[in-house]
Amino acid sequence: MLVFADGRTVGTIGGGCYENEACLKAREVLESGRQVLLHFELNDDFAQENGLICGGQMDVHVDPLEPAPRLYIIGAGHVGWHLARAAGEIDFRVHVVDDREKFASRERFPGAEEVVVEPIADWLHRADIPNTAYVVIVTRGHQGDLEAMRALAARDLRYLGLIGSRAKVARIRSALVDEGMPTECLDRVHSPIGLEIGAVTPAEIAVSILAELIAVRRGVPTGVRSRFSKP
């Protein structure tokens, strides 16, 4: 049975009160992105009262179906290059943004859906990035990261991650708070970015970032290890 976000359905798993409960759970799954397994006892008192006299048990697997997600890589340097190449292999629709034509080019990112060569802040402020998107900030420096965070932190995104050292992250947080950015927006940012695997090289860092993106996509709790929440 297909269940849409607005409550429409196609098909059935048998009708009755349990189907209605499964539909409600399916709509929650569309929000969370995390699959669940429901278990129903068809011979309990509730089932008897609702005329479900067939007895037995029923398991319902609820799995979110969504289009290939968009991944916006803000910064076309070494980490961005490795991340774009790997993410494209697992069906992320990759968008790359950088102000350097030497780095943001079709030659370097042949599999990207979009390669943008513009001042990063200008593009981000007018870009229509969907709330289902994943955004990774890996620009070449502190100022670029700050400008990207200024444009993105308040947006409702599926994932927003910022690369950087403890000192850099603290400086960016302090600057944004001074500008009036709500702390609850900053608390959602994944930073340090990626899963902790001891990554050192750009390729390894890209792998750790991609692992975190997959975990968020599949609804696996990662714990937002945000240094923004504790300057």
C-alpha atoms as a PDB file:
ATOM      1  CA  MET A   1       0.000   0.000   0.000  1.00  0.00           C
ATOM      2  CA  LEU A   2       1.275   3.455  -0.888  1.00  0.00           C
ATOM      3  CA  VAL A   3       0.607   6.248   1.586  1.00  0.00           C
ATOM      4  CA  PHE A   4       1.123   9.859   0.558  1.00  0.00           C
ATOM      5  CA  ALA A   5       2.011  12.747   2.846  1.00  0.00           C
ATOM      6  CA  ASP A   6      -1.467  14.267   2.436  1.00  0.00           C
ATOM      7  CA  GLY A   7      -3.144  11.032   3.560  1.00  0.00           C
ATOM      8  CA  ARG A   8      -4.093   9.615   0.156  1.00  0.00           C
ATOM      9  CA  THR A   9      -3.554   5.872  -0.255  1.00  0.00           C
ATOM     10  CA  VAL A  10      -3.286   3.373  -3.093  1.00  0.00           C
ATOM     11  CA  GLY A  11      -3.876  -0.278  -2.295  1.00  0.00           C
ATOM     12  CA  THR A  12      -4.609  -1.884   1.057  1.00  0.00           C
ATOM     13  CA  ILE A  13      -3.189  -4.159   3.754  1.00  0.00           C
ATOM     14  CA  GLY A  14      -6.584  -5.478   4.767  1.00  0.00           C
ATOM     15  CA  GLY A  15      -8.587  -2.492   5.980  1.00  0.00           C
ATOM     16  CA  GLY A  16      -9.925  -1.896   9.456  1.00  0.00           C
ATOM     17  CA  CYS A  17      -8.536  -0.034  12.430  1.00  0.00           C
ATOM     18  CA  TYR A  18      -5.043  -1.479  12.028  1.00  0.00           C
ATOM     19  CA  GLU A  19      -4.735  -0.183   8.502  1.00  0.00           C
ATOM     20  CA  ASN A  20      -5.717   3.262   9.723  1.00  0.00           C
ATOM     21  CA  GLU A  21      -3.051   3.114  12.431  1.00  0.00           C
ATOM     22  CA  ALA A  22      -0.482   1.925   9.886  1.00  0.00           C
ATOM     23  CA  CYS A  23      -1.376   4.854   7.619  1.00  0.00           C
ATOM     24  CA  LEU A  24      -0.870   7.318  10.469  1.00  0.00           C
ATOM     25  CA  LYS A  25       2.522   5.770  11.206  1.00  0.00           C
ATOM     26  CA  ALA A  26       3.437   5.877   7.509  1.00  0.00           C
ATOM     27  CA  ARG A  27       2.877   9.634   7.451  1.00  0.00           C
ATOM     28  CA  GLU A  28       5.180   9.972  10.459  1.00  0.00           C
ATOM     29  CA  VAL A  29       7.790   7.902   8.626  1.00  0.00           C
ATOM     30  CA  LEU A  30       7.629  10.280   5.666  1.00  0.00           C
ATOM     31  CA  GLU A  31       8.553  13.075   8.080  1.00  0.00           C
ATOM     32  CA  SER A  32      11.323  11.221   9.899  1.00  0.00           C
ATOM     33  CA  GLY A  33      12.745   9.290   6.945  1.00  0.00           C
ATOM     34  CA  ARG A  34      13.227   6.284   9.231  1.00  0.00           C
ATOM     35  CA  GLN A  35      11.664   2.906   8.444  1.00  0.00           C
ATOM     36  CA  VAL A  36       9.733   1.057  11.160  1.00  0.00           C
ATOM     37  CA  LEU A  37       8.246  -2.394  11.739  1.00  0.00           C
ATOM     38  CA  LEU A  38       4.760  -2.417  13.282  1.00  0.00           C
ATOM     39  CA  HIS A  39       3.373  -5.436  15.119  1.00  0.00           C
ATOM     40  CA  PHE A  40      -0.334  -6.060  15.666  1.00  0.00           C
ATOM     41  CA  GLU A  41      -2.081  -8.753  17.716  1.00  0.00           C
ATOM     42  CA  LEU A  42      -5.304  -9.564  15.890  1.00  0.00           C
ATOM     43  CA  ASN A  43      -6.798 -11.619  18.690  1.00  0.00           C
ATOM     44  CA  ASP A  44      -6.638  -9.150  21.586  1.00  0.00           C
ATOM     45  CA  ASP A  45      -9.618  -7.439  23.174  1.00  0.00           C
ATOM     46  CA  PHE A  46      -9.299  -4.384  20.959  1.00  0.00           C
ATOM     47  CA  ALA A  47      -9.478  -6.541  17.848  1.00  0.00           C
ATOM     48  CA  GLN A  48     -12.545  -8.347  19.165  1.00  0.00           C
ATOM     49  CA  GLU A  49     -14.335  -5.062  19.851  1.00  0.00           C
ATOM     50  CA  ASN A  50     -13.659  -3.888  16.299  1.00  0.00           C
ATOM     51  CA  GLY A  51     -14.853  -7.053  14.627  1.00  0.00           C
ATOM     52  CA  LEU A  52     -11.400  -8.381  13.664  1.00  0.00           C
ATOM     53  CA  ILE A  53     -12.080 -11.992  14.511  1.00  0.00           C
ATOM     54  CA  CYS A  54      -9.557 -13.593  12.182  1.00  0.00           C
ATOM     55  CA  GLY A  55      -7.002 -13.894  14.971  1.00  0.00           C
ATOM     56  CA  GLY A  56      -3.252 -14.254  14.659  1.00  0.00           C
ATOM     57  CA  GLN A  57      -0.571 -11.601  14.320  1.00  0.00           C
ATOM     58  CA  MET A  58       0.423  -9.098  11.657  1.00  0.00           C
ATOM     59  CA  ASP A  59       3.697  -7.294  10.996  1.00  0.00           C
ATOM     60  CA  VAL A  60       3.713  -4.222   8.772  1.00  0.00           C
ATOM     61  CA  HIS A  61       7.005  -2.909   7.383  1.00  0.00           C
ATOM     62  CA  VAL A  62       6.805   0.837   6.729  1.00  0.00           C
ATOM     63  CA  ASP A  63       9.568   2.141   4.471  1.00  0.00           C
ATOM     64  CA  PRO A  64       9.835   5.746   3.243  1.00  0.00           C
ATOM     65  CA  LEU A  65      10.128   6.096  -0.522  1.00  0.00           C
ATOM     66  CA  GLU A  66      11.648   9.356  -1.618  1.00  0.00           C
ATOM     67  CA  PRO A  67      13.365  10.655  -4.730  1.00  0.00           C
ATOM     68  CA  ALA A  68      17.133  10.768  -4.913  1.00  0.00           C
ATOM     69  CA  PRO A  69      18.096  13.554  -2.491  1.00  0.00           C
ATOM     70  CA  ARG A  70      19.918  16.685  -3.529  1.00  0.00           C
ATOM     71  CA  LEU A  71      23.353  17.280  -2.056  1.00  0.00           C
ATOM     72  CA  TYR A  72      24.724  20.813  -2.216  1.00  0.00           C
ATOM     73  CA  ILE A  73      28.494  20.922  -1.754  1.00  0.00           C
ATOM     74  CA  ILE A  74      29.523  24.465  -0.920  1.00  0.00           C
ATOM     75  CA  GLY A  75      33.177  24.491  -1.862  1.00  0.00           C
ATOM     76  CA  ALA A  76      34.862  22.679  -4.745  1.00  0.00           C
ATOM     77  CA  GLY A  77      38.220  21.944  -3.139  1.00  0.00           C
ATOM     78  CA  HIS A  78      39.764  18.588  -2.328  1.00  0.00           C
ATOM     79  CA  VAL A  79      37.160  17.369   0.184  1.00  0.00           C
ATOM     80  CA  GLY A  80      34.328  18.586  -2.030  1.00  0.00           C
ATOM     81  CA  TRP A  81      35.761  16.775  -5.028  1.00  0.00           C
ATOM     82  CA  HIS A  82      36.045  13.448  -3.227  1.00  0.00           C
ATOM     83  CA  LEU A  83      32.600  13.846  -1.665  1.00  0.00           C
ATOM     84  CA  ALA A  84      30.914  14.651  -4.980  1.00  0.00           C
ATOM     85  CA  ARG A  85      32.439  11.633  -6.683  1.00  0.00           C
ATOM     86  CA  ALA A  86      31.436   9.213  -3.906  1.00  0.00           C
ATOM     87  CA  ALA A  87      27.971  10.694  -3.309  1.00  0.00           C
ATOM     88  CA  GLY A  88      27.093  10.401  -6.980  1.00  0.00           C
ATOM     89  CA  GLU A  89      27.734   6.657  -6.791  1.00  0.00           C
ATOM     90  CA  ILE A  90      24.936   6.238  -4.237  1.00  0.00           C
ATOM     91  CA  ASP A  91      22.339   8.321  -6.051  1.00  0.00           C
ATOM     92  CA  PHE A  92      22.728  11.734  -4.464  1.00  0.00           C
ATOM     93  CA  ARG A  93      21.958  14.473  -6.974  1.00  0.00           C
ATOM     94  CA  VAL A  94      25.077  16.574  -6.591  1.00  0.00           C
ATOM     95  CA  HIS A  95      25.233  20.368  -6.869  1.00  0.00           C
ATOM     96  CA  VAL A  96      28.604  22.091  -6.501  1.00  0.00           C
ATOM     97  CA  VAL A  97      29.029  25.783  -5.717  1.00  0.00           C
ATOM     98  CA  ASP A  98      32.298  27.734  -5.683  1.00  0.00           C
ATOM     99  CA  ASP A  99      33.558  31.114  -6.861  1.00  0.00           C
ATOM    100  CA  ARG A 100      36.667  29.655  -8.507  1.00  0.00           C
ATOM    101  CA  GLU A 101      36.265  28.548 -12.107  1.00  0.00           C
ATOM    102  CA  LYS A 102      39.478  26.558 -11.856  1.00  0.00           C
ATOM    103  CA  PHE A 103      37.893  24.317  -9.223  1.00  0.00           C
ATOM    104  CA  ALA A 104      34.172  24.407 -10.049  1.00  0.00           C
ATOM    105  CA  SER A 105      34.221  23.014 -13.559  1.00  0.00           C
ATOM    106  CA  ARG A 106      32.541  20.269 -15.532  1.00  0.00           C
ATOM    107  CA  GLU A 107      35.919  18.667 -16.069  1.00  0.00           C
ATOM    108  CA  ARG A 108      36.378  18.164 -12.325  1.00  0.00           C
ATOM    109  CA  PHE A 109      32.710  17.319 -11.596  1.00  0.00           C
ATOM    110  CA  PRO A 110      31.400  15.499 -14.684  1.00  0.00           C
ATOM    111  CA  GLY A 111      28.693  13.665 -12.753  1.00  0.00           C
ATOM    112  CA  ALA A 112      27.249  16.695 -10.957  1.00  0.00           C
ATOM    113  CA  GLU A 113      23.748  17.789 -11.807  1.00  0.00           C
ATOM    114  CA  GLU A 114      24.788  21.414 -11.449  1.00  0.00           C
ATOM    115  CA  VAL A 115      28.115  23.236 -11.171  1.00  0.00           C
ATOM    116  CA  VAL A 116      27.828  26.881 -10.146  1.00  0.00           C
ATOM    117  CA  VAL A 117      30.660  29.396 -10.488  1.00  0.00           C
ATOM    118  CA  GLU A 118      29.516  32.498  -8.615  1.00  0.00           C
ATOM    119  CA  PRO A 119      30.250  34.351  -5.395  1.00  0.00           C
ATOM    120  CA  ILE A 120      29.012  31.823  -2.856  1.00  0.00           C
ATOM    121  CA  ALA A 121      27.076  34.188  -0.605  1.00  0.00           C
ATOM    122  CA  ASP A 122      25.291  35.857  -3.521  1.00  0.00           C
ATOM    123  CA  TRP A 123      24.167  32.532  -4.956  1.00  0.00           C
ATOM    124  CA  LEU A 124      23.064  31.077  -1.623  1.00  0.00           C
ATOM    125  CA  HIS A 125      20.937  34.078  -0.688  1.00  0.00           C
ATOM    126  CA  ARG A 126      18.822  33.716  -3.813  1.00  0.00           C
ATOM    127  CA  ALA A 127      18.987  29.936  -4.280  1.00  0.00           C
ATOM    128  CA  ASP A 128      15.800  27.938  -3.857  1.00  0.00           C
ATOM    129  CA  ILE A 129      17.227  25.001  -1.895  1.00  0.00           C
ATOM    130  CA  PRO A 130      14.474  22.512  -0.910  1.00  0.00           C
ATOM    131  CA  ASN A 131      14.049  21.551   2.740  1.00  0.00           C
ATOM    132  CA  THR A 132      14.757  17.935   1.778  1.00  0.00           C
ATOM    133  CA  ALA A 133      18.280  18.861   0.688  1.00  0.00           C
ATOM    134  CA  TYR A 134      21.590  17.979   2.286  1.00  0.00           C
ATOM    135  CA  VAL A 135      24.126  20.797   2.439  1.00  0.00           C
ATOM    136  CA  VAL A 136      27.831  20.434   3.223  1.00  0.00           C
ATOM    137  CA  ILE A 137      29.937  23.561   3.797  1.00  0.00           C
ATOM    138  CA  VAL A 138      33.565  22.934   2.837  1.00  0.00           C
ATOM    139  CA  THR A 139      34.768  26.262   1.470  1.00  0.00           C
ATOM    140  CA  ARG A 140      38.431  27.210   1.302  1.00  0.00           C
ATOM    141  CA  GLY A 141      38.443  29.500   4.330  1.00  0.00           C
ATOM    142  CA  HIS A 142      36.860  30.982   7.430  1.00  0.00           C
ATOM    143  CA  GLN A 143      35.163  33.876   5.639  1.00  0.00           C
ATOM    144  CA  GLY A 144      33.537  31.624   3.055  1.00  0.00           C
ATOM    145  CA  ASP A 145      32.263  29.297   5.770  1.00  0.00           C
ATOM    146  CA  LEU A 146      30.866  32.217   7.767  1.00  0.00           C
ATOM    147  CA  GLU A 147      29.048  33.639   4.752  1.00  0.00           C
ATOM    148  CA  ALA A 148      27.608  30.241   3.876  1.00  0.00           C
ATOM    149  CA  MET A 149      26.440  29.687   7.448  1.00  0.00           C
ATOM    150  CA  ARG A 150      24.899  33.148   7.520  1.00  0.00           C
ATOM    151  CA  ALA A 151      22.827  32.238   4.458  1.00  0.00           C
ATOM    152  CA  LEU A 152      21.917  28.684   5.489  1.00  0.00           C
ATOM    153  CA  ALA A 153      21.738  28.227   9.258  1.00  0.00           C
ATOM    154  CA  ALA A 154      18.186  29.521   9.636  1.00  0.00           C
ATOM    155  CA  ARG A 155      16.816  27.386   6.798  1.00  0.00           C
ATOM    156  CA  ASP A 156      14.882  24.198   7.348  1.00  0.00           C
ATOM    157  CA  LEU A 157      17.166  21.584   5.766  1.00  0.00           C
ATOM    158  CA  ARG A 158      17.400  17.807   6.065  1.00  0.00           C
ATOM    159  CA  TYR A 159      21.097  18.133   6.843  1.00  0.00           C
ATOM    160  CA  LEU A 160      23.531  21.005   7.283  1.00  0.00           C
ATOM    161  CA  GLY A 161      27.159  20.249   8.086  1.00  0.00           C
ATOM    162  CA  LEU A 162      30.163  22.506   8.548  1.00  0.00           C
ATOM    163  CA  ILE A 163      33.782  21.402   8.341  1.00  0.00           C
ATOM    164  CA  GLY A 164      36.331  23.036  10.587  1.00  0.00           C
ATOM    165  CA  SER A 165      38.523  23.044  13.658  1.00  0.00           C
ATOM    166  CA  ARG A 166      37.207  23.702  17.140  1.00  0.00           C
ATOM    167  CA  ALA A 167      38.626  27.225  17.095  1.00  0.00           C
ATOM    168  CA  LYS A 168      37.122  28.106  13.715  1.00  0.00           C
ATOM    169  CA  VAL A 169      33.705  26.752  14.623  1.00  0.00           C
ATOM    170  CA  ALA A 170      33.735  28.739  17.869  1.00  0.00           C
ATOM    171  CA  ARG A 171      34.571  31.948  16.012  1.00  0.00           C
ATOM    172  CA  ILE A 172      31.819  31.421  13.470  1.00  0.00           C
ATOM    173  CA  ARG A 173      29.249  30.685  16.166  1.00  0.00           C
ATOM    174  CA  SER A 174      30.239  33.778  18.119  1.00  0.00           C
ATOM    175  CA  ALA A 175      29.975  35.972  15.027  1.00  0.00           C
ATOM    176  CA  LEU A 176      26.527  34.619  14.097  1.00  0.00           C
ATOM    177  CA  VAL A 177      25.177  34.951  17.629  1.00  0.00           C
ATOM    178  CA  ASP A 178      26.408  38.553  17.730  1.00  0.00           C
ATOM    179  CA  GLU A 179      24.504  39.156  14.501  1.00  0.00           C
ATOM    180  CA  GLY A 180      21.308  37.832  16.085  1.00  0.00           C
ATOM    181  CA  MET A 181      21.187  34.298  14.712  1.00  0.00           C
ATOM    182  CA  PRO A 182      18.920  32.164  16.986  1.00  0.00           C
ATOM    183  CA  THR A 183      20.928  29.564  18.867  1.00  0.00           C
ATOM    184  CA  GLU A 184      18.358  26.860  18.086  1.00  0.00           C
ATOM    185  CA  CYS A 185      19.292  27.228  14.406  1.00  0.00           C
ATOM    186  CA  LEU A 186      22.976  26.762  15.178  1.00  0.00           C
ATOM    187  CA  ASP A 187      22.282  23.757  17.398  1.00  0.00           C
ATOM    188  CA  ARG A 188      21.034  21.804  14.366  1.00  0.00           C
ATOM    189  CA  VAL A 189      24.343  22.102  12.514  1.00  0.00           C
ATOM    190  CA  HIS A 190      26.459  18.954  12.266  1.00  0.00           C
ATOM    191  CA  SER A 191      29.876  20.074  13.382  1.00  0.00           C
ATOM    192  CA  PRO A 192      32.338  18.462  13.637  1.00  0.00           C
ATOM    193  CA  ILE A 193      31.113  17.170  10.333  1.00  0.00           C
ATOM    194  CA  GLY A 194      30.990  13.457   9.537  1.00  0.00           C
ATOM    195  CA  LEU A 195      31.119  10.310  11.625  1.00  0.00           C
ATOM    196  CA  GLU A 196      34.130   9.848  13.873  1.00  0.00           C
ATOM    197  CA  ILE A 197      36.366   7.370  12.035  1.00  0.00           C
ATOM    198  CA  GLY A 198      39.735   9.020  12.592  1.00  0.00           C
ATOM    199  CA  ALA A 199      39.715  10.588   9.128  1.00  0.00           C
ATOM    200  CA  VAL A 200      42.804  12.607   8.173  1.00  0.00           C
ATOM    201  CA  THR A 201      43.129  12.893   4.370  1.00  0.00           C
ATOM    202  CA  PRO A 202      40.584  14.705   2.174  1.00  0.00           C
ATOM    203  CA  ALA A 203      39.354  11.363   0.809  1.00  0.00           C
ATOM    204  CA  GLU A 204      38.904   9.954   4.317  1.00  0.00           C
ATOM    205  CA  ILE A 205      37.105  13.085   5.479  1.00  0.00           C
ATOM    206  CA  ALA A 206      34.769  12.784   2.486  1.00  0.00           C
ATOM    207  CA  VAL A 207      34.021   9.171   3.457  1.00  0.00           C
ATOM    208  CA  SER A 208      33.183  10.212   7.028  1.00  0.00           C
ATOM    209  CA  ILE A 209      30.857  12.944   5.742  1.00  0.00           C
ATOM    210  CA  LEU A 210      29.145  10.592   3.316  1.00  0.00           C
ATOM    211  CA  ALA A 211      28.650   8.015   6.079  1.00  0.00           C
ATOM    212  CA  GLU A 212      26.825  10.636   8.139  1.00  0.00           C
ATOM    213  CA  LEU A 213      24.697  11.644   5.148  1.00  0.00           C
ATOM    214  CA  ILE A 214      23.687   8.012   4.637  1.00  0.00           C
ATOM    215  CA  ALA A 215      22.820   7.648   8.326  1.00  0.00           C
ATOM    216  CA  VAL A 216      20.577  10.722   8.212  1.00  0.00           C
ATOM    217  CA  ARG A 217      19.006   9.567   4.952  1.00  0.00           C
ATOM    218  CA  ARG A 218      18.197   6.134   6.405  1.00  0.00           C
ATOM    219  CA  GLY A 219      16.946   7.487   9.697  1.00  0.00           C
ATOM    220  CA  VAL A 220      19.778   6.113  11.816  1.00  0.00           C
ATOM    221  CA  PRO A 221      20.396   8.346  14.864  1.00  0.00           C
ATOM    222  CA  THR A 222      23.814   9.965  14.752  1.00  0.00           C
ATOM    223  CA  GLY A 223      23.514  12.585  17.469  1.00  0.00           C
ATOM    224  CA  VAL A 224      24.211  16.082  16.212  1.00  0.00           C
ATOM    225  CA  ARG A 225      27.693  16.543  17.669  1.00  0.00           C
ATOM    226  CA  SER A 226      27.441  20.295  17.330  1.00  0.00           C
ATOM    227  CA  ARG A 227      30.087  22.504  18.816  1.00  0.00           C
ATOM    228  CA  PHE A 228      27.739  25.397  18.042  1.00  0.00           C
ATOM    229  CA  SER A 229      25.649  24.434  21.068  1.00  0.00           C
ATOM    230  CA  LYS A 230      28.667  24.637  23.407  1.00  0.00           C
ATOM    231  CA  PRO A 231      30.970  27.476  22.401  1.00  0.00           C
END
